[in-house]
Amino acid sequence: NFMSSRNYSVNEYCVDVVEGVMTVLDEQKIDHPIIITE
């Protein structure tokens, strides 16, 4: 987690993002959105 590095892979990033969105919205029974990253 040094500022010129990262402690995750692209695959891990994508899984964590998708899982994080699902965890909150499934609790409230809200449809899953289209995820955009820039």
All heavy atoms as atom14 arrays in JSON, in Angstrom:
{
  "sequence": "NFMSSRNYSVNEYCVDVVEGVMTVLDEQKIDHPIIITE",
  "atom14_mask": [
    [1, 1, 1, 1, 1, 1, 1, 1, 0, 0, 0, 0, 0, 0],
    [1, 1, 1, 1, 1, 1, 1, 1, 1, 1, 1, 0, 0, 0],
    [1, 1, 1, 1, 1, 1, 1, 1, 0, 0, 0, 0, 0, 0],
    [1, 1, 1, 1, 1, 1, 0, 0, 0, 0, 0, 0, 0, 0],
    [1, 1, 1, 1, 1, 1, 0, 0, 0, 0, 0, 0, 0, 0],
    [1, 1, 1, 1, 1, 1, 1, 1, 1, 1, 1, 0, 0, 0],
    [1, 1, 1, 1, 1, 1, 1, 1, 0, 0, 0, 0, 0, 0],
    [1, 1, 1, 1, 1, 1, 1, 1, 1, 1, 1, 1, 0, 0],
    [1, 1, 1, 1, 1, 1, 0, 0, 0, 0, 0, 0, 0, 0],
    [1, 1, 1, 1, 1, 1, 1, 0, 0, 0, 0, 0, 0, 0],
    [1, 1, 1, 1, 1, 1, 1, 1, 0, 0, 0, 0, 0, 0],
    [1, 1, 1, 1, 1, 1, 1, 1, 1, 0, 0, 0, 0, 0],
    [1, 1, 1, 1, 1, 1, 1, 1, 1, 1, 1, 1, 0, 0],
    [1, 1, 1, 1, 1, 1, 0, 0, 0, 0, 0, 0, 0, 0],
    [1, 1, 1, 1, 1, 1, 1, 0, 0, 0, 0, 0, 0, 0],
    [1, 1, 1, 1, 1, 1, 1, 1, 0, 0, 0, 0, 0, 0],
    [1, 1, 1, 1, 1, 1, 1, 0, 0, 0, 0, 0, 0, 0],
    [1, 1, 1, 1, 1, 1, 1, 0, 0, 0, 0, 0, 0, 0],
    [1, 1, 1, 1, 1, 1, 1, 1, 1, 0, 0, 0, 0, 0],
    [1, 1, 1, 1, 0, 0, 0, 0, 0, 0, 0, 0, 0, 0],
    [1, 1, 1, 1, 1, 1, 1, 0, 0, 0, 0, 0, 0, 0],
    [1, 1, 1, 1, 1, 1, 1, 1, 0, 0, 0, 0, 0, 0],
    [1, 1, 1, 1, 1, 1, 1, 0, 0, 0, 0, 0, 0, 0],
    [1, 1, 1, 1, 1, 1, 1, 0, 0, 0, 0, 0, 0, 0],
    [1, 1, 1, 1, 1, 1, 1, 1, 0, 0, 0, 0, 0, 0],
    [1, 1, 1, 1, 1, 1, 1, 1, 0, 0, 0, 0, 0, 0],
    [1, 1, 1, 1, 1, 1, 1, 1, 1, 0, 0, 0, 0, 0],
    [1, 1, 1, 1, 1, 1, 1, 1, 1, 0, 0, 0, 0, 0],
    [1, 1, 1, 1, 1, 1, 1, 1, 1, 0, 0, 0, 0, 0],
    [1, 1, 1, 1, 1, 1, 1, 1, 0, 0, 0, 0, 0, 0],
    [1, 1, 1, 1, 1, 1, 1, 1, 0, 0, 0, 0, 0, 0],
    [1, 1, 1, 1, 1, 1, 1, 1, 1, 1, 0, 0, 0, 0],
    [1, 1, 1, 1, 1, 1, 1, 0, 0, 0, 0, 0, 0, 0],
    [1, 1, 1, 1, 1, 1, 1, 1, 0, 0, 0, 0, 0, 0],
    [1, 1, 1, 1, 1, 1, 1, 1, 0, 0, 0, 0, 0, 0],
    [1, 1, 1, 1, 1, 1, 1, 1, 0, 0, 0, 0, 0, 0],
    [1, 1, 1, 1, 1, 1, 1, 0, 0, 0, 0, 0, 0, 0],
    [1, 1, 1, 1, 1, 1, 1, 1, 1, 0, 0, 0, 0, 0]
  ],
  "atom14_positions": [
    [[0.82, -1.22, 0.0], [0.0, 0.0, 0.0], [0.86, 1.26, 0.0], [0.4, 2.34, 0.37], [-0.97, 0.02, 1.18], [-0.27, -0.06, 2.52], [0.96, -0.08, 2.59], [-1.05, -0.11, 3.58], [0.0, 0.0, 0.0], [0.0, 0.0, 0.0], [0.0, 0.0, 0.0], [0.0, 0.0, 0.0], [0.0, 0.0, 0.0], [0.0, 0.0, 0.0]],
    [[2.13, 1.14, -0.43], [2.98, 2.31, -0.67], [2.37, 3.11, -1.81], [1.74, 2.55, -2.72], [4.4, 1.86, -1.02], [5.38, 2.97, -1.24], [5.59, 3.94, -0.28], [6.1, 3.05, -2.42], [6.5, 4.97, -0.49], [7.01, 4.07, -2.65], [7.21, 5.03, -1.67], [0.0, 0.0, 0.0], [0.0, 0.0, 0.0], [0.0, 0.0, 0.0]],
    [[2.54, 4.44, -1.79], [1.81, 5.3, -2.72], [2.15, 5.02, -4.19], [1.39, 5.4, -5.08], [2.05, 6.77, -2.4], [3.47, 7.23, -2.52], [3.62, 8.97, -2.05], [5.38, 9.25, -2.32], [0.0, 0.0, 0.0], [0.0, 0.0, 0.0], [0.0, 0.0, 0.0], [0.0, 0.0, 0.0], [0.0, 0.0, 0.0], [0.0, 0.0, 0.0]],
    [[3.3, 4.39, -4.48], [3.64, 4.07, -5.87], [3.36, 2.61, -6.2], [3.92, 2.07, -7.15], [5.11, 4.39, -6.14], [5.33, 5.78, -6.12], [0.0, 0.0, 0.0], [0.0, 0.0, 0.0], [0.0, 0.0, 0.0], [0.0, 0.0, 0.0], [0.0, 0.0, 0.0], [0.0, 0.0, 0.0], [0.0, 0.0, 0.0], [0.0, 0.0, 0.0]],
    [[2.5, 1.98, -5.41], [2.21, 0.57, -5.61], [0.73, 0.34, -5.42], [-0.09, 1.27, -5.43], [3.04, -0.27, -4.63], [2.88, -1.65, -4.88], [0.0, 0.0, 0.0], [0.0, 0.0, 0.0], [0.0, 0.0, 0.0], [0.0, 0.0, 0.0], [0.0, 0.0, 0.0], [0.0, 0.0, 0.0], [0.0, 0.0, 0.0], [0.0, 0.0, 0.0]],
    [[0.33, -0.93, -5.25], [-1.03, -1.29, -4.89], [-0.99, -2.69, -4.27], [-0.15, -3.51, -4.66], [-1.97, -1.27, -6.1], [-1.72, -2.38, -7.1], [-2.66, -2.32, -8.3], [-2.47, -3.48, -9.15], [-2.78, -3.53, -10.44], [-3.31, -2.47, -11.01], [-2.59, -4.63, -11.15], [0.0, 0.0, 0.0], [0.0, 0.0, 0.0], [0.0, 0.0, 0.0]],
    [[-1.87, -2.95, -3.3], [-1.86, -4.24, -2.62], [-2.99, -5.14, -3.1], [-3.52, -5.97, -2.35], [-1.93, -4.05, -1.1], [-3.2, -3.37, -0.64], [-4.1, -3.1, -1.45], [-3.29, -3.08, 0.65], [0.0, 0.0, 0.0], [0.0, 0.0, 0.0], [0.0, 0.0, 0.0], [0.0, 0.0, 0.0], [0.0, 0.0, 0.0], [0.0, 0.0, 0.0]],
    [[-3.37, -4.99, -4.38], [-4.44, -5.79, -4.95], [-4.21, -5.94, -6.46], [-3.48, -5.16, -7.08], [-5.8, -5.14, -4.7], [-5.89, -3.7, -5.2], [-6.33, -3.39, -6.48], [-5.5, -2.63, -4.38], [-6.39, -2.09, -6.93], [-5.56, -1.32, -4.82], [-6.01, -1.05, -6.09], [-6.07, 0.23, -6.53], [0.0, 0.0, 0.0], [0.0, 0.0, 0.0]],
    [[-4.84, -6.95, -7.03], [-4.8, -7.14, -8.48], [-6.04, -6.53, -9.11], [-7.0, -6.15, -8.4], [-4.73, -8.63, -8.82], [-5.95, -9.26, -8.45], [0.0, 0.0, 0.0], [0.0, 0.0, 0.0], [0.0, 0.0, 0.0], [0.0, 0.0, 0.0], [0.0, 0.0, 0.0], [0.0, 0.0, 0.0], [0.0, 0.0, 0.0], [0.0, 0.0, 0.0]],
    [[-6.07, -6.47, -10.43], [-7.27, -5.97, -11.12], [-8.45, -6.88, -10.83], [-9.58, -6.42, -10.59], [-7.01, -5.85, -12.63], [-8.3, -5.5, -13.38], [-5.95, -4.8, -12.92], [0.0, 0.0, 0.0], [0.0, 0.0, 0.0], [0.0, 0.0, 0.0], [0.0, 0.0, 0.0], [0.0, 0.0, 0.0], [0.0, 0.0, 0.0], [0.0, 0.0, 0.0]],
    [[-8.21, -8.19, -10.83], [-9.29, -9.13, -10.54], [-9.86, -8.91, -9.13], [-11.08, -8.92, -8.93], [-8.8, -10.57, -10.68], [-8.57, -10.95, -12.12], [-9.27, -10.47, -13.02], [-7.6, -11.82, -12.37], [0.0, 0.0, 0.0], [0.0, 0.0, 0.0], [0.0, 0.0, 0.0], [0.0, 0.0, 0.0], [0.0, 0.0, 0.0], [0.0, 0.0, 0.0]],
    [[-8.96, -8.72, -8.16], [-9.41, -8.48, -6.78], [-10.19, -7.18, -6.68], [-11.2, -7.09, -5.96], [-8.21, -8.46, -5.83], [-7.56, -9.83, -5.65], [-6.21, -9.75, -4.97], [-5.56, -8.68, -5.05], [-5.8, -10.76, -4.38], [0.0, 0.0, 0.0], [0.0, 0.0, 0.0], [0.0, 0.0, 0.0], [0.0, 0.0, 0.0], [0.0, 0.0, 0.0]],
    [[-9.75, -6.17, -7.37], [-10.46, -4.89, -7.39], [-11.89, -5.08, -7.89], [-12.85, -4.61, -7.26], [-9.69, -3.92, -8.29], [-10.41, -2.63, -8.63], [-10.41, -1.55, -7.76], [-11.07, -2.5, -9.85], [-11.06, -0.37, -8.08], [-11.72, -1.32, -10.19], [-11.71, -0.26, -9.3], [-12.36, 0.91, -9.63], [0.0, 0.0, 0.0], [0.0, 0.0, 0.0]],
    [[-12.04, -5.77, -9.0], [-13.37, -5.95, -9.59], [-14.29, -6.76, -8.67], [-15.46, -6.41, -8.49], [-13.24, -6.64, -10.95], [-12.34, -5.65, -12.19], [0.0, 0.0, 0.0], [0.0, 0.0, 0.0], [0.0, 0.0, 0.0], [0.0, 0.0, 0.0], [0.0, 0.0, 0.0], [0.0, 0.0, 0.0], [0.0, 0.0, 0.0], [0.0, 0.0, 0.0]],
    [[-13.78, -7.83, -8.09], [-14.58, -8.65, -7.17], [-15.02, -7.83, -5.97], [-16.18, -7.88, -5.56], [-13.79, -9.89, -6.73], [-14.49, -10.59, -5.57], [-13.62, -10.85, -7.9], [0.0, 0.0, 0.0], [0.0, 0.0, 0.0], [0.0, 0.0, 0.0], [0.0, 0.0, 0.0], [0.0, 0.0, 0.0], [0.0, 0.0, 0.0], [0.0, 0.0, 0.0]],
    [[-14.1, -7.07, -5.39], [-14.44, -6.28, -4.2], [-15.46, -5.21, -4.5], [-16.35, -4.92, -3.68], [-13.17, -5.65, -3.61], [-12.36, -6.65, -2.8], [-12.67, -7.85, -2.87], [-11.41, -6.23, -2.11], [0.0, 0.0, 0.0], [0.0, 0.0, 0.0], [0.0, 0.0, 0.0], [0.0, 0.0, 0.0], [0.0, 0.0, 0.0], [0.0, 0.0, 0.0]],
    [[-15.36, -4.58, -5.68], [-16.33, -3.55, -6.06], [-17.72, -4.17, -6.24], [-18.72, -3.68, -5.67], [-15.89, -2.85, -7.36], [-17.05, -2.07, -7.98], [-14.72, -1.91, -7.1], [0.0, 0.0, 0.0], [0.0, 0.0, 0.0], [0.0, 0.0, 0.0], [0.0, 0.0, 0.0], [0.0, 0.0, 0.0], [0.0, 0.0, 0.0], [0.0, 0.0, 0.0]],
    [[-17.8, -5.23, -7.01], [-19.09, -5.86, -7.28], [-19.71, -6.4, -5.99], [-20.91, -6.2, -5.71], [-18.93, -6.99, -8.32], [-20.23, -7.78, -8.47], [-18.5, -6.42, -9.67], [0.0, 0.0, 0.0], [0.0, 0.0, 0.0], [0.0, 0.0, 0.0], [0.0, 0.0, 0.0], [0.0, 0.0, 0.0], [0.0, 0.0, 0.0], [0.0, 0.0, 0.0]],
    [[-18.91, -7.06, -5.19], [-19.4, -7.62, -3.93], [-19.85, -6.51, -2.98], [-20.87, -6.63, -2.29], [-18.3, -8.46, -3.28], [-18.78, -9.32, -2.13], [-17.7, -10.27, -1.67], [-16.55, -9.79, -1.47], [-17.97, -11.46, -1.52], [0.0, 0.0, 0.0], [0.0, 0.0, 0.0], [0.0, 0.0, 0.0], [0.0, 0.0, 0.0], [0.0, 0.0, 0.0]],
    [[-19.11, -5.41, -2.95], [-19.47, -4.3, -2.08], [-20.8, -3.68, -2.45], [-21.61, -3.33, -1.57], [0.0, 0.0, 0.0], [0.0, 0.0, 0.0], [0.0, 0.0, 0.0], [0.0, 0.0, 0.0], [0.0, 0.0, 0.0], [0.0, 0.0, 0.0], [0.0, 0.0, 0.0], [0.0, 0.0, 0.0], [0.0, 0.0, 0.0], [0.0, 0.0, 0.0]],
    [[-21.07, -3.52, -3.74], [-22.34, -2.97, -4.2], [-23.49, -3.93, -3.86], [-24.54, -3.53, -3.33], [-22.3, -2.68, -5.71], [-23.68, -2.25, -6.21], [-21.26, -1.61, -6.03], [0.0, 0.0, 0.0], [0.0, 0.0, 0.0], [0.0, 0.0, 0.0], [0.0, 0.0, 0.0], [0.0, 0.0, 0.0], [0.0, 0.0, 0.0], [0.0, 0.0, 0.0]],
    [[-23.29, -5.21, -4.12], [-24.33, -6.2, -3.85], [-24.69, -6.28, -2.37], [-25.87, -6.39, -2.02], [-23.86, -7.58, -4.31], [-23.78, -7.77, -5.79], [-23.16, -9.43, -6.21], [-24.45, -10.47, -5.54], [0.0, 0.0, 0.0], [0.0, 0.0, 0.0], [0.0, 0.0, 0.0], [0.0, 0.0, 0.0], [0.0, 0.0, 0.0], [0.0, 0.0, 0.0]],
    [[-23.67, -6.23, -1.52], [-23.9, -6.4, -0.08], [-24.89, -5.39, 0.45], [-25.8, -5.72, 1.22], [-22.56, -6.29, 0.68], [-21.67, -7.32, 0.23], [-22.77, -6.43, 2.17], [0.0, 0.0, 0.0], [0.0, 0.0, 0.0], [0.0, 0.0, 0.0], [0.0, 0.0, 0.0], [0.0, 0.0, 0.0], [0.0, 0.0, 0.0], [0.0, 0.0, 0.0]],
    [[-24.75, -4.14, 0.03], [-25.64, -3.08, 0.51], [-27.02, -3.17, -0.14], [-28.05, -3.11, 0.53], [-25.01, -1.7, 0.25], [-25.99, -0.58, 0.59], [-23.73, -1.54, 1.04], [0.0, 0.0, 0.0], [0.0, 0.0, 0.0], [0.0, 0.0, 0.0], [0.0, 0.0, 0.0], [0.0, 0.0, 0.0], [0.0, 0.0, 0.0], [0.0, 0.0, 0.0]],
    [[-27.06, -3.34, -1.46], [-28.33, -3.27, -2.17], [-29.2, -4.5, -1.94], [-30.44, -4.4, -1.95], [-28.1, -3.05, -3.66], [-27.4, -1.72, -4.03], [-27.34, -1.54, -5.53], [-28.12, -0.54, -3.38], [0.0, 0.0, 0.0], [0.0, 0.0, 0.0], [0.0, 0.0, 0.0], [0.0, 0.0, 0.0], [0.0, 0.0, 0.0], [0.0, 0.0, 0.0]],
    [[-28.59, -5.66, -1.76], [-29.39, -6.86, -1.5], [-30.11, -6.77, -0.16], [-31.22, -7.3, 0.0], [-28.5, -8.11, -1.53], [-28.11, -8.51, -2.96], [-28.69, -7.93, -3.9], [-27.23, -9.37, -3.13], [0.0, 0.0, 0.0], [0.0, 0.0, 0.0], [0.0, 0.0, 0.0], [0.0, 0.0, 0.0], [0.0, 0.0, 0.0], [0.0, 0.0, 0.0]],
    [[-29.48, -6.09, 0.81], [-30.13, -5.9, 2.11], [-31.45, -5.15, 1.94], [-32.44, -5.41, 2.64], [-29.24, -5.09, 3.05], [-28.0, -5.79, 3.54], [-27.14, -4.86, 4.37], [-27.55, -3.68, 4.57], [-26.05, -5.28, 4.81], [0.0, 0.0, 0.0], [0.0, 0.0, 0.0], [0.0, 0.0, 0.0], [0.0, 0.0, 0.0], [0.0, 0.0, 0.0]],
    [[-31.47, -4.21, 0.98], [-32.63, -3.34, 0.81], [-33.47, -3.73, -0.4], [-34.39, -3.0, -0.78], [-32.16, -1.89, 0.7], [-31.34, -1.44, 1.91], [-30.97, 0.03, 1.84], [-31.81, 0.86, 1.49], [-29.74, 0.35, 2.19], [0.0, 0.0, 0.0], [0.0, 0.0, 0.0], [0.0, 0.0, 0.0], [0.0, 0.0, 0.0], [0.0, 0.0, 0.0]],
    [[-33.12, -4.89, -1.01], [-33.88, -5.41, -2.15], [-34.0, -4.37, -3.27], [-35.08, -4.12, -3.82], [-35.26, -5.89, -1.7], [-35.21, -7.07, -0.74], [-36.59, -7.53, -0.35], [-36.53, -8.81, 0.46], [-35.67, -8.75, 1.65], [0.0, 0.0, 0.0], [0.0, 0.0, 0.0], [0.0, 0.0, 0.0], [0.0, 0.0, 0.0], [0.0, 0.0, 0.0]],
    [[-32.86, -3.76, -3.59], [-32.79, -2.76, -4.66], [-32.08, -3.38, -5.86], [-31.08, -4.1, -5.71], [-32.04, -1.5, -4.18], [-32.87, -0.8, -3.09], [-31.76, -0.55, -5.33], [-32.16, 0.39, -2.45], [0.0, 0.0, 0.0], [0.0, 0.0, 0.0], [0.0, 0.0, 0.0], [0.0, 0.0, 0.0], [0.0, 0.0, 0.0], [0.0, 0.0, 0.0]],
    [[-32.57, -3.09, -7.06], [-31.96, -3.64, -8.28], [-30.5, -3.21, -8.38], [-30.14, -2.08, -8.0], [-32.71, -3.13, -9.51], [-34.1, -3.75, -9.63], [-34.35, -4.8, -8.99], [-34.94, -3.16, -10.35], [0.0, 0.0, 0.0], [0.0, 0.0, 0.0], [0.0, 0.0, 0.0], [0.0, 0.0, 0.0], [0.0, 0.0, 0.0], [0.0, 0.0, 0.0]],
    [[-29.7, -4.1, -8.9], [-28.28, -3.81, -9.06], [-28.07, -2.83, -10.22], [-28.62, -3.03, -11.31], [-27.49, -5.08, -9.34], [-27.55, -6.07, -8.21], [-27.16, -7.39, -8.35], [-27.94, -5.93, -6.91], [-27.31, -8.01, -7.18], [-27.78, -7.14, -6.3], [0.0, 0.0, 0.0], [0.0, 0.0, 0.0], [0.0, 0.0, 0.0], [0.0, 0.0, 0.0]],
    [[-27.26, -1.79, -10.03], [-27.05, -0.8, -11.09], [-25.99, -1.25, -12.09], [-25.27, -2.23, -11.88], [-26.58, 0.42, -10.31], [-25.82, -0.16, -9.16], [-26.57, -1.42, -8.77], [0.0, 0.0, 0.0], [0.0, 0.0, 0.0], [0.0, 0.0, 0.0], [0.0, 0.0, 0.0], [0.0, 0.0, 0.0], [0.0, 0.0, 0.0], [0.0, 0.0, 0.0]],
    [[-25.88, -0.47, -13.15], [-24.73, -0.58, -14.05], [-23.56, 0.1, -13.36], [-23.63, 1.28, -13.01], [-25.02, 0.11, -15.4], [-26.19, -0.57, -16.11], [-23.77, 0.1, -16.29], [-26.71, 0.19, -17.33], [0.0, 0.0, 0.0], [0.0, 0.0, 0.0], [0.0, 0.0, 0.0], [0.0, 0.0, 0.0], [0.0, 0.0, 0.0], [0.0, 0.0, 0.0]],
    [[-22.51, -0.65, -13.11], [-21.31, -0.09, -12.48], [-20.44, 0.56, -13.55], [-20.16, -0.04, -14.6], [-20.51, -1.18, -11.74], [-21.34, -1.74, -10.57], [-19.18, -0.63, -11.23], [-20.69, -2.95, -9.91], [0.0, 0.0, 0.0], [0.0, 0.0, 0.0], [0.0, 0.0, 0.0], [0.0, 0.0, 0.0], [0.0, 0.0, 0.0], [0.0, 0.0, 0.0]],
    [[-20.04, 1.78, -13.29], [-19.1, 2.5, -14.17], [-17.84, 2.79, -13.39], [-17.89, 3.17, -12.21], [-19.7, 3.83, -14.66], [-20.96, 3.58, -15.5], [-18.68, 4.64, -15.46], [-21.71, 4.87, -15.87], [0.0, 0.0, 0.0], [0.0, 0.0, 0.0], [0.0, 0.0, 0.0], [0.0, 0.0, 0.0], [0.0, 0.0, 0.0], [0.0, 0.0, 0.0]],
    [[-16.68, 2.57, -13.99], [-15.44, 3.09, -13.42], [-14.76, 3.96, -14.47], [-14.85, 3.68, -15.67], [-14.47, 1.98, -12.96], [-14.01, 1.25, -14.1], [-15.12, 1.06, -11.97], [0.0, 0.0, 0.0], [0.0, 0.0, 0.0], [0.0, 0.0, 0.0], [0.0, 0.0, 0.0], [0.0, 0.0, 0.0], [0.0, 0.0, 0.0], [0.0, 0.0, 0.0]],
    [[-14.09, 4.98, -14.0], [-13.36, 5.89, -14.88], [-11.86, 5.62, -14.75], [-11.06, 6.5, -14.45], [-13.7, 7.34, -14.53], [-15.18, 7.67, -14.7], [-15.54, 9.07, -14.22], [-14.62, 9.85, -13.9], [-16.75, 9.36, -14.15], [0.0, 0.0, 0.0], [0.0, 0.0, 0.0], [0.0, 0.0, 0.0], [0.0, 0.0, 0.0], [0.0, 0.0, 0.0]]
  ]
}
